[in-house]
Amino acid sequence: MASRSLNRVLLIGNLTRDPEMRYTNSGTPVVTFGMATNKSWKDSEGETKELAEFHNLVAWNKMAEICQQLLAKGMKVYIDGSLSTRSWEAEDGSTKYKTEIRVNDMILLDSKGKQGTGTDGVESEGKTEEVKETKEEIVEDAPVEDQDPLEEDLPF
C-alpha cells in the first residue's frame, strides 16, 4: 500500500519586492518575488514580541503572467502553493540549495491592484471595470497545475 503525503503551503502576507519576470530558454515565463509573514505573542513578562519570516516565491506559465501584471511590493496577498527545493553547482564547486514556494493560486487581499485601480467595485479613474474583466479572464484561463520545465532550463 502506498503511503500518502501532502506538500501544501498557505500564506497570507505582504510582498517584500516586486515580481521579477524571466523566461526559460524554451520561452516559459517564470516570475519570482518575496513575501513576509508576521507573528506576534506575549512573553512570560507580558511583553509583546514580534517575528517576521521571509519567503521566496516562484510562479510559472500563466500564473507567472498574472502575478507580474497584478502584484507589487507591499501588497497583501493570499498564496496557496507547495514547497520546492532545487540545487545547483556554484562556481566554487559547492552545491547550493534554495527552497521556494511554488505558487498554485493567488488572491489579492488589498483593495487596489498594481496600477492603483480599485478591484472592489469602486471606480478609480474610470478603469476599474476594464481591469476587473481582464483579471477575471486571466484567472479563468489559468491552468490549475502546470508542469515545471527541466531544471537546466531555469534562467537563474
Protein backbone atom coordinates (compact mmCIF):
# COMPACT_ATOMS: atom_id res chain seq x y z
CA MET A 1 0.00 0.00 0.00
CA ALA A 2 1.39 3.40 -0.98
CA SER A 3 1.84 5.94 1.75
CA ARG A 4 0.10 9.29 1.49
CA SER A 5 1.84 12.61 1.63
CA LEU A 6 0.96 16.27 1.37
CA ASN A 7 3.04 19.24 0.22
CA ARG A 8 0.91 22.36 0.68
CA VAL A 9 1.73 25.86 1.85
CA LEU A 10 -0.86 28.53 2.70
CA LEU A 11 0.41 32.06 3.36
CA ILE A 12 -1.07 35.48 3.96
CA GLY A 13 1.46 38.27 3.99
CA ASN A 14 2.92 41.32 2.32
CA LEU A 15 5.16 41.29 -0.74
CA THR A 16 8.72 42.37 0.02
CA ARG A 17 9.67 43.02 -3.60
CA ASP A 18 8.06 43.45 -6.99
CA PRO A 19 7.67 40.30 -9.08
CA GLU A 20 10.61 39.79 -11.46
CA MET A 21 9.69 38.14 -14.76
CA ARG A 22 12.15 35.95 -16.63
CA TYR A 23 11.87 33.36 -19.37
CA THR A 24 13.46 29.94 -19.64
CA ASN A 25 15.47 29.03 -22.74
CA SER A 26 12.33 27.44 -24.18
CA GLY A 27 10.29 30.63 -23.58
CA THR A 28 8.36 29.55 -20.47
CA PRO A 29 7.54 32.56 -18.26
CA VAL A 30 8.67 32.37 -14.62
CA VAL A 31 8.31 35.09 -12.01
CA THR A 32 10.00 35.31 -8.61
CA PHE A 33 9.08 37.54 -5.69
CA GLY A 34 9.28 37.68 -1.91
CA MET A 35 6.75 37.70 0.89
CA ALA A 36 6.93 38.41 4.61
CA THR A 37 4.65 36.89 7.21
CA ASN A 38 4.50 38.20 10.77
CA LYS A 39 3.82 36.58 14.11
CA SER A 40 3.34 38.25 17.50
CA TRP A 41 2.98 36.86 21.01
CA LYS A 42 3.39 37.86 24.64
CA ASP A 43 6.38 36.55 26.56
CA SER A 44 6.36 35.44 30.21
CA GLU A 45 6.67 39.09 31.36
CA GLY A 46 3.67 40.12 29.25
CA GLU A 47 5.82 41.97 26.73
CA THR A 48 4.71 41.76 23.10
CA LYS A 49 7.28 40.11 20.82
CA GLU A 50 7.21 40.04 17.03
CA LEU A 51 8.90 37.83 14.45
CA ALA A 52 8.95 38.18 10.66
CA GLU A 53 9.54 35.24 8.33
CA PHE A 54 10.64 35.84 4.76
CA HIS A 55 9.65 33.52 1.91
CA ASN A 56 10.84 33.13 -1.69
CA LEU A 57 8.01 32.51 -4.15
CA VAL A 58 8.05 31.36 -7.76
CA ALA A 59 5.20 31.15 -10.28
CA TRP A 60 5.26 29.52 -13.70
CA ASN A 61 3.42 29.92 -17.01
CA LYS A 62 0.04 31.72 -16.85
CA MET A 63 0.27 32.20 -13.07
CA ALA A 64 3.61 33.98 -13.61
CA GLU A 65 1.96 36.37 -16.06
CA ILE A 66 -0.92 37.03 -13.63
CA CYS A 67 1.48 37.77 -10.76
CA GLN A 68 3.58 40.06 -12.95
CA GLN A 69 0.51 42.04 -14.04
CA LEU A 70 -1.26 42.37 -10.69
CA LEU A 71 1.29 42.28 -7.87
CA ALA A 72 3.60 44.94 -6.44
CA LYS A 73 5.78 45.38 -3.36
CA GLY A 74 3.79 46.00 -0.17
CA MET A 75 0.55 44.37 -1.31
CA LYS A 76 -1.23 41.90 0.97
CA VAL A 77 -1.75 38.57 -0.78
CA TYR A 78 -3.01 35.06 -0.05
CA ILE A 79 -0.83 32.33 -1.58
CA ASP A 80 -1.65 28.63 -1.97
CA GLY A 81 1.32 26.61 -3.13
CA SER A 82 3.83 23.89 -2.41
CA LEU A 83 7.44 23.69 -1.25
CA SER A 84 10.03 23.10 -3.91
CA THR A 85 13.79 22.75 -3.32
CA ARG A 86 16.28 22.96 -6.15
CA SER A 87 20.05 22.62 -6.19
CA TRP A 88 22.88 23.73 -8.46
CA GLU A 89 26.64 23.74 -8.51
CA ALA A 90 28.19 27.14 -7.70
CA GLU A 91 31.29 28.50 -9.44
CA ASP A 92 33.42 27.42 -6.47
CA GLY A 93 32.26 23.82 -6.92
CA SER A 94 29.99 23.74 -3.88
CA THR A 95 26.37 22.62 -4.09
CA LYS A 96 23.82 25.35 -3.35
CA TYR A 97 20.19 24.79 -2.38
CA LYS A 98 17.16 27.05 -2.49
CA THR A 99 13.73 26.26 -1.10
CA GLU A 100 10.88 28.19 -2.67
CA ILE A 101 7.13 28.19 -2.54
CA ARG A 102 5.66 27.33 -5.93
CA VAL A 103 2.51 29.38 -6.37
CA ASN A 104 -0.57 27.39 -7.45
CA ASP A 105 -3.16 30.03 -6.55
CA MET A 106 -3.05 33.69 -5.54
CA ILE A 107 -5.73 36.02 -4.20
CA LEU A 108 -5.29 39.79 -3.83
CA LEU A 109 -6.29 40.94 -0.36
CA ASP A 110 -5.69 44.67 -0.97
CA SER A 111 -8.47 46.85 -2.35
CA LYS A 112 -6.13 48.20 -5.02
CA GLY A 113 -4.39 46.47 -7.90
CA LYS A 114 -0.89 47.16 -9.16
CA GLN A 115 -1.71 50.34 -11.08
CA GLY A 116 -3.75 51.79 -8.23
CA THR A 117 -7.09 50.90 -9.78
CA GLY A 118 -9.68 49.58 -7.36
CA THR A 119 -10.71 45.95 -7.62
CA ASP A 120 -13.51 46.17 -5.08
CA GLY A 121 -16.14 47.60 -7.42
CA VAL A 122 -15.39 51.27 -6.63
CA GLU A 123 -14.49 53.17 -9.77
CA SER A 124 -10.99 54.65 -9.81
CA GLU A 125 -10.16 56.88 -12.78
CA GLY A 126 -12.79 55.05 -14.85
CA LYS A 127 -10.63 51.93 -15.30
CA THR A 128 -11.97 49.60 -12.62
CA GLU A 129 -14.36 47.58 -14.75
CA GLU A 130 -11.80 47.14 -17.53
CA VAL A 131 -9.16 45.89 -15.06
CA LYS A 132 -11.64 43.58 -13.30
CA GLU A 133 -12.73 42.00 -16.58
CA THR A 134 -9.14 41.46 -17.68
CA LYS A 135 -8.22 39.91 -14.31
CA GLU A 136 -11.21 37.55 -14.43
CA GLU A 137 -10.38 36.47 -17.97
CA ILE A 138 -6.78 35.76 -17.00
CA VAL A 139 -7.78 33.76 -13.92
CA GLU A 140 -10.31 31.69 -15.88
CA ASP A 141 -7.62 30.72 -18.40
CA ALA A 142 -5.02 29.83 -15.77
CA PRO A 143 -4.34 26.08 -15.52
CA VAL A 144 -4.73 24.52 -12.10
CA GLU A 145 -1.44 22.60 -12.24
CA ASP A 146 1.43 23.42 -14.59
CA GLN A 147 4.42 21.24 -15.30
CA ASP A 148 7.79 22.70 -14.29
CA PRO A 149 10.36 22.84 -17.07
CA LEU A 150 13.55 20.88 -16.61
CA GLU A 151 15.88 22.40 -14.01
CA GLU A 152 18.66 23.01 -16.50
CA ASP A 153 16.22 25.25 -18.37
CA LEU A 154 16.00 27.69 -15.41
CA PRO A 155 17.25 31.23 -16.10
CA PHE A 156 18.70 31.65 -12.59
